[in-house]
Amino acid sequence: MSKVGHPFSKAILEAKRQGVLPLVADIKPISPRDGNLIGPRSPGNLARELVAAGACALSVVTESTNFGGSLDLLCQICAAAPAPVLRKDFFSSPVQIEESQAAGASAVLVILATTPDDLAFDLCRTATSLGMEAVVEVHTKEELARALRLNPTIIGINNRNILQLEKDAGDVQVTEELVPAIPEGIVTLSASSLLTEDSIRRAIRAGADAVLVGTAVLRAADPAGFVRAIVKEG
């Protein structure tokens, strides 16, 4: 079942209340830009270690062709991690939202760059009906305008262009430009191109409520230590 008692946005806001930096650790087997990221490590053990180190929530990429993910990976991490889990994929049907809940996810990512408005509405409505949250992802002002029509609880700002599959440079400037246009009461999550402590803190200074960090965490010599160092001073 979905962790309905621990919704994704609540975990972010609780971390802020406690004075730690809300970091969502993103677990993906492969980055089209940076190659294999998990290697021989156990996804379940990795998930537990990252939460113990202070990650307020987790994100799991299940897209298989470009990122090497799977529904089984989501199941493993949801079963192992005592934290809300966001499923990231290119959804094409509300049925996939239902399977996400069955796997244990608390939230799903709706990427407006690849999702027409009618499908985005159906995906968000299905998530809500199942007690889940839809993190609506935007990269441009035009996508943000579309996102706001969906009445989201969380907006994810992708600092890279997802249509280029993370191969563009990306810049936290995207977060800096979009956050001021997001109404109060909507949780904001800055993602991608956050490869250093400075870029992570820059996103927070820009007004993002939380950051989603994957490659920097997974490529660190000590992923848990990396997370611990980032979150300790929120």
Protein backbone atom coordinates (compact mmCIF):
# COMPACT_ATOMS: atom_id res chain seq x y z
CA MET A 1 0.00 0.00 0.00
CA SER A 2 1.02 3.62 -0.49
CA LYS A 3 2.44 5.32 2.60
CA VAL A 4 -0.68 7.49 2.83
CA GLY A 5 0.21 8.52 6.38
CA HIS A 6 3.53 9.95 5.19
CA PRO A 7 2.80 11.88 2.01
CA PHE A 8 5.68 13.21 0.01
CA SER A 9 5.11 16.91 0.66
CA LYS A 10 4.61 16.34 4.37
CA ALA A 11 8.06 14.74 4.61
CA ILE A 12 9.61 17.78 2.95
CA LEU A 13 7.82 20.25 5.19
CA GLU A 14 8.63 18.25 8.31
CA ALA A 15 12.33 18.33 7.42
CA LYS A 16 12.11 22.10 7.05
CA ARG A 17 10.36 22.38 10.40
CA GLN A 18 13.18 20.43 12.03
CA GLY A 19 15.75 22.81 10.54
CA VAL A 20 17.44 20.36 8.18
CA LEU A 21 17.77 20.75 4.43
CA PRO A 22 15.04 18.67 2.75
CA LEU A 23 16.90 16.36 0.37
CA VAL A 24 15.14 13.76 -1.75
CA ALA A 25 17.66 11.12 -2.79
CA ASP A 26 17.09 9.99 -6.38
CA ILE A 27 17.94 6.37 -7.15
CA LYS A 28 18.42 5.49 -10.82
CA PRO A 29 20.53 2.63 -12.18
CA ILE A 30 21.82 4.50 -15.24
CA SER A 31 22.28 8.11 -16.27
CA PRO A 32 22.42 8.71 -20.04
CA ARG A 33 25.01 11.35 -19.24
CA ASP A 34 27.04 9.67 -16.48
CA GLY A 35 26.62 5.91 -16.99
CA ASN A 36 26.01 3.21 -14.39
CA LEU A 37 25.24 4.73 -11.00
CA ILE A 38 24.18 1.86 -8.74
CA GLY A 39 26.68 -0.80 -9.81
CA PRO A 40 26.77 -3.92 -7.62
CA ARG A 41 25.14 -2.24 -4.62
CA SER A 42 21.87 -3.53 -3.20
CA PRO A 43 19.14 -0.95 -3.98
CA GLY A 44 17.33 -1.79 -0.76
CA ASN A 45 20.40 -1.37 1.42
CA LEU A 46 21.30 1.84 -0.39
CA ALA A 47 17.80 3.21 0.21
CA ARG A 48 17.95 2.43 3.93
CA GLU A 49 21.38 4.05 4.25
CA LEU A 50 20.29 7.25 2.53
CA VAL A 51 17.21 7.62 4.71
CA ALA A 52 19.25 6.92 7.84
CA ALA A 53 21.68 9.62 6.71
CA GLY A 54 18.89 12.18 6.57
CA ALA A 55 17.17 12.02 3.18
CA CYS A 56 13.58 13.04 3.91
CA ALA A 57 12.24 11.01 0.98
CA LEU A 58 13.39 8.94 -1.96
CA SER A 59 12.80 9.00 -5.70
CA VAL A 60 13.06 5.94 -7.92
CA VAL A 61 13.46 6.05 -11.69
CA THR A 62 11.61 3.11 -13.24
CA GLU A 63 12.02 3.97 -16.94
CA SER A 64 13.97 1.08 -18.46
CA THR A 65 15.20 2.08 -21.91
CA ASN A 66 17.31 5.10 -21.00
CA PHE A 67 17.66 4.84 -17.23
CA GLY A 68 17.74 1.09 -16.55
CA GLY A 69 14.89 1.23 -14.05
CA SER A 70 12.03 -1.17 -13.43
CA LEU A 71 8.89 -1.68 -11.38
CA ASP A 72 10.80 -4.35 -9.45
CA LEU A 73 13.37 -1.73 -8.43
CA LEU A 74 10.53 0.43 -7.10
CA CYS A 75 9.11 -2.51 -5.14
CA GLN A 76 12.50 -3.27 -3.59
CA ILE A 77 13.06 0.29 -2.45
CA CYS A 78 9.53 0.87 -1.18
CA ALA A 79 9.78 -2.33 0.87
CA ALA A 80 13.16 -1.35 2.30
CA ALA A 81 12.92 2.38 2.95
CA PRO A 82 11.10 3.93 5.94
CA ALA A 83 10.30 7.07 3.94
CA PRO A 84 7.92 8.25 1.20
CA VAL A 85 8.93 7.21 -2.30
CA LEU A 86 8.32 9.07 -5.57
CA ARG A 87 8.09 7.04 -8.77
CA LYS A 88 9.65 8.75 -11.80
CA ASP A 89 8.74 7.53 -15.28
CA PHE A 90 7.15 8.67 -18.54
CA PHE A 91 3.56 7.72 -17.69
CA SER A 92 1.11 7.08 -20.50
CA SER A 93 -1.88 5.67 -18.59
CA PRO A 94 -3.60 6.01 -15.20
CA VAL A 95 -3.13 2.26 -14.84
CA GLN A 96 0.55 2.95 -14.18
CA ILE A 97 -0.43 5.17 -11.26
CA GLU A 98 -2.41 2.30 -9.80
CA GLU A 99 0.55 -0.05 -10.16
CA SER A 100 2.75 2.57 -8.51
CA GLN A 101 0.52 2.61 -5.45
CA ALA A 102 0.45 -1.19 -5.38
CA ALA A 103 4.26 -1.18 -5.39
CA GLY A 104 4.30 1.14 -2.38
CA ALA A 105 4.95 4.57 -3.91
CA SER A 106 3.57 7.65 -2.18
CA ALA A 107 3.86 9.95 -5.20
CA VAL A 108 4.31 9.92 -8.97
CA LEU A 109 6.01 12.34 -11.34
CA VAL A 110 3.94 13.93 -14.10
CA ILE A 111 6.33 15.43 -16.66
CA LEU A 112 4.59 18.16 -18.62
CA ALA A 113 7.29 18.23 -21.31
CA THR A 114 6.14 14.77 -22.40
CA THR A 115 2.52 14.74 -21.21
CA PRO A 116 -0.45 16.44 -22.91
CA ASP A 117 -2.85 18.32 -20.65
CA ASP A 118 -5.69 15.81 -20.81
CA LEU A 119 -3.45 12.93 -19.80
CA ALA A 120 -1.77 15.02 -17.10
CA PHE A 121 -5.20 15.75 -15.64
CA ASP A 122 -6.12 12.05 -15.63
CA LEU A 123 -2.83 11.05 -14.03
CA CYS A 124 -3.15 13.67 -11.29
CA ARG A 125 -6.79 12.81 -10.64
CA THR A 126 -5.98 9.11 -10.35
CA ALA A 127 -3.11 9.81 -7.95
CA THR A 128 -5.36 11.93 -5.74
CA SER A 129 -8.12 9.32 -5.72
CA LEU A 130 -5.60 6.75 -4.49
CA GLY A 131 -4.31 8.93 -1.66
CA MET A 132 -1.09 9.71 -3.53
CA GLU A 133 0.47 12.97 -4.68
CA ALA A 134 1.41 14.01 -8.18
CA VAL A 135 4.65 15.95 -8.45
CA VAL A 136 4.08 18.04 -11.58
CA GLU A 137 7.40 18.65 -13.33
CA VAL A 138 8.11 21.83 -15.31
CA HIS A 139 11.11 23.29 -17.09
CA THR A 140 9.70 26.47 -18.65
CA LYS A 141 7.31 29.29 -17.79
CA GLU A 142 4.85 27.88 -20.29
CA GLU A 143 4.88 24.50 -18.57
CA LEU A 144 4.47 26.20 -15.20
CA ALA A 145 1.31 27.93 -16.44
CA ARG A 146 -0.05 24.55 -17.51
CA ALA A 147 0.95 23.00 -14.18
CA LEU A 148 -0.93 25.58 -12.13
CA ARG A 149 -4.15 24.68 -13.92
CA LEU A 150 -3.82 21.20 -12.41
CA ASN A 151 -3.97 22.57 -8.83
CA PRO A 152 -0.86 20.64 -7.74
CA THR A 153 0.36 20.22 -4.18
CA ILE A 154 3.97 19.92 -5.40
CA ILE A 155 5.76 21.32 -8.42
CA GLY A 156 9.09 19.86 -9.47
CA ILE A 157 11.43 22.19 -11.36
CA ASN A 158 13.75 20.31 -13.70
CA ASN A 159 16.86 22.39 -14.25
CA ARG A 160 17.61 20.31 -17.33
CA ASN A 161 15.56 19.67 -20.44
CA ILE A 162 14.19 16.14 -19.99
CA LEU A 163 13.73 15.87 -23.74
CA GLN A 164 17.53 15.78 -23.98
CA LEU A 165 17.66 12.95 -21.41
CA GLU A 166 19.96 14.80 -18.98
CA LYS A 167 22.62 15.38 -21.62
CA ASP A 168 22.30 19.16 -21.56
CA ALA A 169 24.31 21.16 -19.04
CA GLY A 170 21.36 22.46 -17.03
CA ASP A 171 21.52 25.36 -14.60
CA VAL A 172 19.99 26.23 -11.24
CA GLN A 173 19.01 29.49 -12.90
CA VAL A 174 15.87 27.67 -14.08
CA THR A 175 14.84 27.26 -10.43
CA GLU A 176 15.74 30.86 -9.69
CA GLU A 177 13.50 32.06 -12.51
CA LEU A 178 10.50 29.84 -11.84
CA VAL A 179 10.18 29.69 -8.05
CA PRO A 180 9.01 33.33 -7.69
CA ALA A 181 6.09 32.58 -10.03
CA ILE A 182 4.81 29.65 -7.96
CA PRO A 183 2.02 30.58 -5.51
CA GLU A 184 2.54 30.15 -1.78
CA GLY A 185 1.18 26.89 -0.46
CA ILE A 186 2.62 24.78 -3.27
CA VAL A 187 5.72 22.81 -2.31
CA THR A 188 8.61 23.33 -4.71
CA LEU A 189 11.24 20.74 -5.52
CA SER A 190 14.37 21.65 -7.52
CA ALA A 191 15.87 18.75 -9.47
CA SER A 192 18.71 17.93 -11.86
CA SER A 193 22.04 19.66 -12.39
CA LEU A 194 22.56 19.74 -8.62
CA LEU A 195 26.03 18.24 -8.60
CA THR A 196 27.74 20.22 -5.86
CA GLU A 197 26.92 21.48 -2.38
CA ASP A 198 27.00 25.02 -3.74
CA SER A 199 24.41 24.30 -6.46
CA ILE A 200 22.18 22.52 -3.95
CA ARG A 201 22.27 25.44 -1.53
CA ARG A 202 21.78 27.87 -4.40
CA ALA A 203 18.48 26.15 -5.21
CA ILE A 204 17.38 26.45 -1.59
CA ARG A 205 18.40 30.12 -1.47
CA ALA A 206 16.29 30.66 -4.59
CA GLY A 207 13.27 29.57 -2.59
CA ALA A 208 12.91 25.87 -3.38
CA ASP A 209 11.50 23.92 -0.45
CA ALA A 210 13.57 20.85 -1.28
CA VAL A 211 16.14 19.45 -3.67
CA LEU A 212 16.16 16.15 -5.53
CA VAL A 213 19.70 14.90 -5.92
CA GLY A 214 20.70 11.69 -7.68
CA THR A 215 23.97 11.60 -9.59
CA ALA A 216 25.96 13.54 -6.98
CA VAL A 217 24.76 11.19 -4.24
CA LEU A 218 25.26 7.96 -6.16
CA ARG A 219 28.71 8.90 -7.50
CA ALA A 220 30.00 9.97 -4.11
CA ALA A 221 32.58 7.70 -2.49
CA ASP A 222 30.30 7.65 0.56
CA PRO A 223 26.70 8.36 -0.55
CA ALA A 224 25.34 8.37 3.00
CA GLY A 225 28.12 10.68 4.11
CA PHE A 226 27.35 13.04 1.24
CA VAL A 227 23.69 13.22 2.24
CA ARG A 228 24.57 13.67 5.92
CA ALA A 229 26.86 16.60 5.15
CA ILE A 230 24.24 18.34 3.01
CA VAL A 231 21.24 18.03 5.29
CA LYS A 232 22.90 18.84 8.61
CA GLU A 233 22.61 22.59 8.10
CA GLY A 234 19.26 23.24 6.52
